[in-house]
Amino acid sequence: MALGGTTAEYDRKFATPVVTHINQTDEEQAILEHNAHVEALETYAMDLQKCLEHATDEKYKRYLAVKIYRTSQRLEQLRTEEQA
């Protein structure tokens, strides 16, 4: 082997950091996706709230209120998962 030592020694020295790095990248990617999902839901909730403020039809207002409630529940669930 050009670097000296056996293949097993090389694997033992250098394989673990590579695997750890891959795992960190996966974790970072999961965090980025989670944050993007939370941000998208927050934006959606704000848009729904603006629609509710300008709505005149009572049936549509109730529909929007339910959508806002469900979106808020989902946001709370995601934030709870984030803290755990």
PDB file of N, CA and C in Angstrom:
ATOM      1  N   MET A   1       0.848  -1.177   0.000  1.00  0.00           N
ATOM      2  CA  MET A   1       0.000   0.000   0.000  1.00  0.00           C
ATOM      3  C   MET A   1       0.894   1.242   0.000  1.00  0.00           C
ATOM      4  N   ALA A   2       0.552   2.232  -0.746  1.00  0.00           N
ATOM      5  CA  ALA A   2       1.394   3.407  -0.934  1.00  0.00           C
ATOM      6  C   ALA A   2       1.560   4.224   0.346  1.00  0.00           C
ATOM      7  N   LEU A   3       0.533   4.300   1.181  1.00  0.00           N
ATOM      8  CA  LEU A   3       0.603   5.096   2.398  1.00  0.00           C
ATOM      9  C   LEU A   3       1.274   4.361   3.544  1.00  0.00           C
ATOM     10  N   GLY A   4       1.506   3.085   3.400  1.00  0.00           N
ATOM     11  CA  GLY A   4       2.097   2.289   4.469  1.00  0.00           C
ATOM     12  C   GLY A   4       1.006   1.729   5.360  1.00  0.00           C
ATOM     13  N   GLY A   5       1.251   0.544   5.913  1.00  0.00           N
ATOM     14  CA  GLY A   5       0.243  -0.094   6.753  1.00  0.00           C
ATOM     15  C   GLY A   5      -0.671  -0.962   5.901  1.00  0.00           C
ATOM     16  N   THR A   6      -1.575  -1.620   6.578  1.00  0.00           N
ATOM     17  CA  THR A   6      -2.481  -2.519   5.872  1.00  0.00           C
ATOM     18  C   THR A   6      -3.771  -1.795   5.520  1.00  0.00           C
ATOM     19  N   THR A   7      -4.541  -2.407   4.669  1.00  0.00           N
ATOM     20  CA  THR A   7      -5.834  -1.839   4.300  1.00  0.00           C
ATOM     21  C   THR A   7      -6.737  -1.736   5.521  1.00  0.00           C
ATOM     22  N   ALA A   8      -6.697  -2.726   6.400  1.00  0.00           N
ATOM     23  CA  ALA A   8      -7.523  -2.705   7.611  1.00  0.00           C
ATOM     24  C   ALA A   8      -7.154  -1.521   8.499  1.00  0.00           C
ATOM     25  N   GLU A   9      -5.838  -1.233   8.632  1.00  0.00           N
ATOM     26  CA  GLU A   9      -5.414  -0.083   9.435  1.00  0.00           C
ATOM     27  C   GLU A   9      -5.894   1.221   8.803  1.00  0.00           C
ATOM     28  N   TYR A  10      -5.791   1.317   7.505  1.00  0.00           N
ATOM     29  CA  TYR A  10      -6.244   2.515   6.791  1.00  0.00           C
ATOM     30  C   TYR A  10      -7.748   2.712   6.995  1.00  0.00           C
ATOM     31  N   ASP A  11      -8.510   1.627   6.837  1.00  0.00           N
ATOM     32  CA  ASP A  11      -9.960   1.704   7.022  1.00  0.00           C
ATOM     33  C   ASP A  11     -10.308   2.124   8.442  1.00  0.00           C
ATOM     34  N   ARG A  12      -9.591   1.586   9.419  1.00  0.00           N
ATOM     35  CA  ARG A  12      -9.867   1.901  10.815  1.00  0.00           C
ATOM     36  C   ARG A  12      -9.571   3.371  11.104  1.00  0.00           C
ATOM     37  N   LYS A  13      -8.520   3.916  10.495  1.00  0.00           N
ATOM     38  CA  LYS A  13      -8.148   5.309  10.740  1.00  0.00           C
ATOM     39  C   LYS A  13      -9.059   6.294  10.013  1.00  0.00           C
ATOM     40  N   PHE A  14      -9.463   5.957   8.798  1.00  0.00           N
ATOM     41  CA  PHE A  14     -10.107   6.961   7.956  1.00  0.00           C
ATOM     42  C   PHE A  14     -11.574   6.689   7.621  1.00  0.00           C
ATOM     43  N   ALA A  15     -12.068   5.510   7.861  1.00  0.00           N
ATOM     44  CA  ALA A  15     -13.450   5.201   7.484  1.00  0.00           C
ATOM     45  C   ALA A  15     -14.457   5.885   8.402  1.00  0.00           C
ATOM     46  N   THR A  16     -14.210   5.901   9.693  1.00  0.00           N
ATOM     47  CA  THR A  16     -15.176   6.450  10.641  1.00  0.00           C
ATOM     48  C   THR A  16     -15.443   7.939  10.417  1.00  0.00           C
ATOM     49  N   PRO A  17     -14.418   8.785  10.248  1.00  0.00           N
ATOM     50  CA  PRO A  17     -14.714  10.197  10.017  1.00  0.00           C
ATOM     51  C   PRO A  17     -15.563  10.437   8.773  1.00  0.00           C
ATOM     52  N   VAL A  18     -15.353   9.654   7.737  1.00  0.00           N
ATOM     53  CA  VAL A  18     -16.137   9.831   6.524  1.00  0.00           C
ATOM     54  C   VAL A  18     -17.602   9.506   6.799  1.00  0.00           C
ATOM     55  N   VAL A  19     -17.854   8.407   7.492  1.00  0.00           N
ATOM     56  CA  VAL A  19     -19.224   8.018   7.818  1.00  0.00           C
ATOM     57  C   VAL A  19     -19.862   9.072   8.716  1.00  0.00           C
ATOM     58  N   THR A  20     -19.129   9.567   9.706  1.00  0.00           N
ATOM     59  CA  THR A  20     -19.648  10.605  10.597  1.00  0.00           C
ATOM     60  C   THR A  20     -19.993  11.856   9.804  1.00  0.00           C
ATOM     61  N   HIS A  21     -19.135  12.212   8.868  1.00  0.00           N
ATOM     62  CA  HIS A  21     -19.378  13.399   8.050  1.00  0.00           C
ATOM     63  C   HIS A  21     -20.653  13.232   7.227  1.00  0.00           C
ATOM     64  N   ILE A  22     -20.859  12.050   6.688  1.00  0.00           N
ATOM     65  CA  ILE A  22     -22.072  11.800   5.915  1.00  0.00           C
ATOM     66  C   ILE A  22     -23.292  11.923   6.821  1.00  0.00           C
ATOM     67  N   ASN A  23     -23.211  11.372   8.015  1.00  0.00           N
ATOM     68  CA  ASN A  23     -24.332  11.465   8.949  1.00  0.00           C
ATOM     69  C   ASN A  23     -24.616  12.912   9.342  1.00  0.00           C
ATOM     70  N   GLN A  24     -23.573  13.680   9.547  1.00  0.00           N
ATOM     71  CA  GLN A  24     -23.777  15.084   9.889  1.00  0.00           C
ATOM     72  C   GLN A  24     -24.458  15.812   8.738  1.00  0.00           C
ATOM     73  N   THR A  25     -24.055  15.515   7.537  1.00  0.00           N
ATOM     74  CA  THR A  25     -24.660  16.151   6.378  1.00  0.00           C
ATOM     75  C   THR A  25     -26.143  15.787   6.291  1.00  0.00           C
ATOM     76  N   ASP A  26     -26.479  14.534   6.544  1.00  0.00           N
ATOM     77  CA  ASP A  26     -27.879  14.115   6.538  1.00  0.00           C
ATOM     78  C   ASP A  26     -28.663  14.845   7.619  1.00  0.00           C
ATOM     79  N   GLU A  27     -28.073  14.980   8.803  1.00  0.00           N
ATOM     80  CA  GLU A  27     -28.739  15.686   9.895  1.00  0.00           C
ATOM     81  C   GLU A  27     -28.931  17.154   9.541  1.00  0.00           C
ATOM     82  N   GLU A  28     -27.899  17.761   8.975  1.00  0.00           N
ATOM     83  CA  GLU A  28     -28.003  19.157   8.579  1.00  0.00           C
ATOM     84  C   GLU A  28     -29.077  19.331   7.516  1.00  0.00           C
ATOM     85  N   GLN A  29     -29.126  18.414   6.562  1.00  0.00           N
ATOM     86  CA  GLN A  29     -30.140  18.475   5.512  1.00  0.00           C
ATOM     87  C   GLN A  29     -31.538  18.341   6.109  1.00  0.00           C
ATOM     88  N   ALA A  30     -31.700  17.444   7.060  1.00  0.00           N
ATOM     89  CA  ALA A  30     -33.001  17.259   7.712  1.00  0.00           C
ATOM     90  C   ALA A  30     -33.410  18.524   8.459  1.00  0.00           C
ATOM     91  N   ILE A  31     -32.454  19.169   9.115  1.00  0.00           N
ATOM     92  CA  ILE A  31     -32.741  20.411   9.834  1.00  0.00           C
ATOM     93  C   ILE A  31     -33.157  21.505   8.861  1.00  0.00           C
ATOM     94  N   LEU A  32     -32.444  21.615   7.744  1.00  0.00           N
ATOM     95  CA  LEU A  32     -32.796  22.622   6.740  1.00  0.00           C
ATOM     96  C   LEU A  32     -34.194  22.384   6.180  1.00  0.00           C
ATOM     97  N   GLU A  33     -34.517  21.132   5.891  1.00  0.00           N
ATOM     98  CA  GLU A  33     -35.846  20.807   5.375  1.00  0.00           C
ATOM     99  C   GLU A  33     -36.923  21.105   6.414  1.00  0.00           C
ATOM    100  N   HIS A  34     -36.642  20.790   7.670  1.00  0.00           N
ATOM    101  CA  HIS A  34     -37.595  21.055   8.752  1.00  0.00           C
ATOM    102  C   HIS A  34     -37.838  22.556   8.880  1.00  0.00           C
ATOM    103  N   ASN A  35     -36.768  23.339   8.882  1.00  0.00           N
ATOM    104  CA  ASN A  35     -36.902  24.789   9.006  1.00  0.00           C
ATOM    105  C   ASN A  35     -37.661  25.384   7.823  1.00  0.00           C
ATOM    106  N   ALA A  36     -37.409  24.861   6.628  1.00  0.00           N
ATOM    107  CA  ALA A  36     -38.118  25.339   5.444  1.00  0.00           C
ATOM    108  C   ALA A  36     -39.608  25.019   5.544  1.00  0.00           C
ATOM    109  N   HIS A  37     -39.933  23.845   6.064  1.00  0.00           N
ATOM    110  CA  HIS A  37     -41.334  23.456   6.238  1.00  0.00           C
ATOM    111  C   HIS A  37     -42.023  24.376   7.238  1.00  0.00           C
ATOM    112  N   VAL A  38     -41.362  24.657   8.349  1.00  0.00           N
ATOM    113  CA  VAL A  38     -41.927  25.557   9.359  1.00  0.00           C
ATOM    114  C   VAL A  38     -42.140  26.947   8.762  1.00  0.00           C
ATOM    115  N   GLU A  39     -41.152  27.443   8.046  1.00  0.00           N
ATOM    116  CA  GLU A  39     -41.261  28.772   7.444  1.00  0.00           C
ATOM    117  C   GLU A  39     -42.401  28.830   6.426  1.00  0.00           C
ATOM    118  N   ALA A  40     -42.544  27.783   5.626  1.00  0.00           N
ATOM    119  CA  ALA A  40     -43.626  27.739   4.640  1.00  0.00           C
ATOM    120  C   ALA A  40     -44.991  27.742   5.326  1.00  0.00           C
ATOM    121  N   LEU A  41     -45.122  26.982   6.404  1.00  0.00           N
ATOM    122  CA  LEU A  41     -46.395  26.957   7.131  1.00  0.00           C
ATOM    123  C   LEU A  41     -46.690  28.309   7.786  1.00  0.00           C
ATOM    124  N   GLU A  42     -45.662  28.983   8.297  1.00  0.00           N
ATOM    125  CA  GLU A  42     -45.861  30.305   8.891  1.00  0.00           C
ATOM    126  C   GLU A  42     -46.348  31.294   7.838  1.00  0.00           C
ATOM    127  N   THR A  43     -45.745  31.242   6.661  1.00  0.00           N
ATOM    128  CA  THR A  43     -46.157  32.117   5.565  1.00  0.00           C
ATOM    129  C   THR A  43     -47.589  31.809   5.146  1.00  0.00           C
ATOM    130  N   TYR A  44     -47.905  30.529   5.047  1.00  0.00           N
ATOM    131  CA  TYR A  44     -49.256  30.102   4.680  1.00  0.00           C
ATOM    132  C   TYR A  44     -50.274  30.605   5.703  1.00  0.00           C
ATOM    133  N   ALA A  45     -49.949  30.496   6.983  1.00  0.00           N
ATOM    134  CA  ALA A  45     -50.852  30.956   8.042  1.00  0.00           C
ATOM    135  C   ALA A  45     -51.078  32.468   7.947  1.00  0.00           C
ATOM    136  N   MET A  46     -50.025  33.219   7.655  1.00  0.00           N
ATOM    137  CA  MET A  46     -50.173  34.668   7.514  1.00  0.00           C
ATOM    138  C   MET A  46     -51.044  35.010   6.309  1.00  0.00           C
ATOM    139  N   ASP A  47     -50.852  34.299   5.203  1.00  0.00           N
ATOM    140  CA  ASP A  47     -51.675  34.531   4.015  1.00  0.00           C
ATOM    141  C   ASP A  47     -53.143  34.214   4.287  1.00  0.00           C
ATOM    142  N   LEU A  48     -53.383  33.116   4.999  1.00  0.00           N
ATOM    143  CA  LEU A  48     -54.758  32.768   5.358  1.00  0.00           C
ATOM    144  C   LEU A  48     -55.375  33.839   6.249  1.00  0.00           C
ATOM    145  N   GLN A  49     -54.580  34.363   7.185  1.00  0.00           N
ATOM    146  CA  GLN A  49     -55.075  35.405   8.088  1.00  0.00           C
ATOM    147  C   GLN A  49     -55.450  36.659   7.303  1.00  0.00           C
ATOM    148  N   LYS A  50     -54.633  37.029   6.324  1.00  0.00           N
ATOM    149  CA  LYS A  50     -54.948  38.196   5.485  1.00  0.00           C
ATOM    150  C   LYS A  50     -56.236  37.968   4.704  1.00  0.00           C
ATOM    151  N   CYS A  51     -56.399  36.758   4.180  1.00  0.00           N
ATOM    152  CA  CYS A  51     -57.635  36.432   3.458  1.00  0.00           C
ATOM    153  C   CYS A  51     -58.840  36.524   4.385  1.00  0.00           C
ATOM    154  N   LEU A  52     -58.678  36.049   5.605  1.00  0.00           N
ATOM    155  CA  LEU A  52     -59.772  36.079   6.577  1.00  0.00           C
ATOM    156  C   LEU A  52     -60.179  37.513   6.898  1.00  0.00           C
ATOM    157  N   GLU A  53     -59.202  38.397   7.013  1.00  0.00           N
ATOM    158  CA  GLU A  53     -59.488  39.794   7.326  1.00  0.00           C
ATOM    159  C   GLU A  53     -60.320  40.461   6.240  1.00  0.00           C
ATOM    160  N   HIS A  54     -60.135  40.046   4.996  1.00  0.00           N
ATOM    161  CA  HIS A  54     -60.820  40.694   3.876  1.00  0.00           C
ATOM    162  C   HIS A  54     -62.033  39.915   3.373  1.00  0.00           C
ATOM    163  N   ALA A  55     -62.283  38.763   3.942  1.00  0.00           N
ATOM    164  CA  ALA A  55     -63.405  37.937   3.488  1.00  0.00           C
ATOM    165  C   ALA A  55     -64.729  38.521   3.971  1.00  0.00           C
ATOM    166  N   THR A  56     -65.755  38.376   3.146  1.00  0.00           N
ATOM    167  CA  THR A  56     -67.079  38.864   3.522  1.00  0.00           C
ATOM    168  C   THR A  56     -68.076  37.720   3.705  1.00  0.00           C
ATOM    169  N   ASP A  57     -67.888  36.641   3.011  1.00  0.00           N
ATOM    170  CA  ASP A  57     -68.789  35.494   3.095  1.00  0.00           C
ATOM    171  C   ASP A  57     -68.530  34.717   4.388  1.00  0.00           C
ATOM    172  N   GLU A  58     -69.581  34.510   5.178  1.00  0.00           N
ATOM    173  CA  GLU A  58     -69.435  33.839   6.476  1.00  0.00           C
ATOM    174  C   GLU A  58     -68.975  32.392   6.335  1.00  0.00           C
ATOM    175  N   LYS A  59     -69.480  31.708   5.329  1.00  0.00           N
ATOM    176  CA  LYS A  59     -69.078  30.313   5.120  1.00  0.00           C
ATOM    177  C   LYS A  59     -67.580  30.238   4.789  1.00  0.00           C
ATOM    178  N   TYR A  60     -67.112  31.153   3.968  1.00  0.00           N
ATOM    179  CA  TYR A  60     -65.696  31.196   3.606  1.00  0.00           C
ATOM    180  C   TYR A  60     -64.841  31.579   4.813  1.00  0.00           C
ATOM    181  N   LYS A  61     -65.350  32.477   5.656  1.00  0.00           N
ATOM    182  CA  LYS A  61     -64.627  32.860   6.871  1.00  0.00           C
ATOM    183  C   LYS A  61     -64.441  31.660   7.796  1.00  0.00           C
ATOM    184  N   ARG A  62     -65.498  30.846   7.953  1.00  0.00           N
ATOM    185  CA  ARG A  62     -65.391  29.648   8.790  1.00  0.00           C
ATOM    186  C   ARG A  62     -64.374  28.675   8.203  1.00  0.00           C
ATOM    187  N   TYR A  63     -64.419  28.528   6.887  1.00  0.00           N
ATOM    188  CA  TYR A  63     -63.460  27.653   6.204  1.00  0.00           C
ATOM    189  C   TYR A  63     -62.024  28.121   6.469  1.00  0.00           C
ATOM    190  N   LEU A  64     -61.789  29.418   6.319  1.00  0.00           N
ATOM    191  CA  LEU A  64     -60.449  29.962   6.563  1.00  0.00           C
ATOM    192  C   LEU A  64     -60.038  29.797   8.021  1.00  0.00           C
ATOM    193  N   ALA A  65     -60.970  29.989   8.937  1.00  0.00           N
ATOM    194  CA  ALA A  65     -60.664  29.832  10.362  1.00  0.00           C
ATOM    195  C   ALA A  65     -60.225  28.403  10.666  1.00  0.00           C
ATOM    196  N   VAL A  66     -60.889  27.431  10.053  1.00  0.00           N
ATOM    197  CA  VAL A  66     -60.499  26.028  10.250  1.00  0.00           C
ATOM    198  C   VAL A  66     -59.113  25.782   9.670  1.00  0.00           C
ATOM    199  N   LYS A  67     -58.849  26.329   8.488  1.00  0.00           N
ATOM    200  CA  LYS A  67     -57.527  26.157   7.867  1.00  0.00           C
ATOM    201  C   LYS A  67     -56.437  26.789   8.732  1.00  0.00           C
ATOM    202  N   ILE A  68     -56.704  27.950   9.286  1.00  0.00           N
ATOM    203  CA  ILE A  68     -55.738  28.617  10.159  1.00  0.00           C
ATOM    204  C   ILE A  68     -55.503  27.783  11.413  1.00  0.00           C
ATOM    205  N   TYR A  69     -56.570  27.255  11.986  1.00  0.00           N
ATOM    206  CA  TYR A  69     -56.458  26.433  13.188  1.00  0.00           C
ATOM    207  C   TYR A  69     -55.614  25.192  12.917  1.00  0.00           C
ATOM    208  N   ARG A  70     -55.893  24.501  11.826  1.00  0.00           N
ATOM    209  CA  ARG A  70     -55.137  23.288  11.493  1.00  0.00           C
ATOM    210  C   ARG A  70     -53.673  23.600  11.195  1.00  0.00           C
ATOM    211  N   THR A  71     -53.439  24.708  10.523  1.00  0.00           N
ATOM    212  CA  THR A  71     -52.063  25.107  10.231  1.00  0.00           C
ATOM    213  C   THR A  71     -51.321  25.428  11.525  1.00  0.00           C
ATOM    214  N   SER A  72     -51.985  26.095  12.442  1.00  0.00           N
ATOM    215  CA  SER A  72     -51.369  26.410  13.737  1.00  0.00           C
ATOM    216  C   SER A  72     -51.055  25.144  14.522  1.00  0.00           C
ATOM    217  N   GLN A  73     -51.970  24.178  14.470  1.00  0.00           N
ATOM    218  CA  GLN A  73     -51.719  22.901  15.145  1.00  0.00           C
ATOM    219  C   GLN A  73     -50.491  22.217  14.556  1.00  0.00           C
ATOM    220  N   ARG A  74     -50.397  22.199  13.242  1.00  0.00           N
ATOM    221  CA  ARG A  74     -49.261  21.555  12.575  1.00  0.00           C
ATOM    222  C   ARG A  74     -47.957  22.275  12.918  1.00  0.00           C
ATOM    223  N   LEU A  75     -47.993  23.598  12.963  1.00  0.00           N
ATOM    224  CA  LEU A  75     -46.803  24.367  13.347  1.00  0.00           C
ATOM    225  C   LEU A  75     -46.371  24.029  14.766  1.00  0.00           C
ATOM    226  N   GLU A  76     -47.327  23.961  15.665  1.00  0.00           N
ATOM    227  CA  GLU A  76     -46.997  23.614  17.052  1.00  0.00           C
ATOM    228  C   GLU A  76     -46.391  22.218  17.128  1.00  0.00           C
ATOM    229  N   GLN A  77     -46.946  21.289  16.360  1.00  0.00           N
ATOM    230  CA  GLN A  77     -46.421  19.923  16.339  1.00  0.00           C
ATOM    231  C   GLN A  77     -44.980  19.908  15.832  1.00  0.00           C
ATOM    232  N   LEU A  78     -44.701  20.656  14.776  1.00  0.00           N
ATOM    233  CA  LEU A  78     -43.339  20.705  14.239  1.00  0.00           C
ATOM    234  C   LEU A  78     -42.378  21.349  15.229  1.00  0.00           C
ATOM    235  N   ARG A  79     -42.824  22.381  15.914  1.00  0.00           N
ATOM    236  CA  ARG A  79     -41.957  23.039  16.898  1.00  0.00           C
ATOM    237  C   ARG A  79     -41.687  22.128  18.086  1.00  0.00           C
ATOM    238  N   THR A  80     -42.679  21.329  18.471  1.00  0.00           N
ATOM    239  CA  THR A  80     -42.496  20.374  19.559  1.00  0.00           C
ATOM    240  C   THR A  80     -41.491  19.301  19.153  1.00  0.00           C
ATOM    241  N   GLU A  81     -41.588  18.821  17.914  1.00  0.00           N
ATOM    242  CA  GLU A  81     -40.633  17.831  17.405  1.00  0.00           C
ATOM    243  C   GLU A  81     -39.228  18.411  17.388  1.00  0.00           C
ATOM    244  N   GLU A  82     -39.130  19.690  17.066  1.00  0.00           N
ATOM    245  CA  GLU A  82     -37.836  20.357  16.989  1.00  0.00           C
ATOM    246  C   GLU A  82     -37.169  20.406  18.359  1.00  0.00           C
ATOM    247  N   GLN A  83     -37.954  20.643  19.410  1.00  0.00           N
ATOM    248  CA  GLN A  83     -37.411  20.748  20.758  1.00  0.00           C
ATOM    249  C   GLN A  83     -37.035  19.389  21.325  1.00  0.00           C
ATOM    250  N   ALA A  84     -37.689  18.353  20.868  1.00  0.00           N
ATOM    251  CA  ALA A  84     -37.429  17.004  21.403  1.00  0.00           C
ATOM    252  C   ALA A  84     -36.159  16.401  20.857  1.00  0.00           C
TER     253      ALA A  84
END
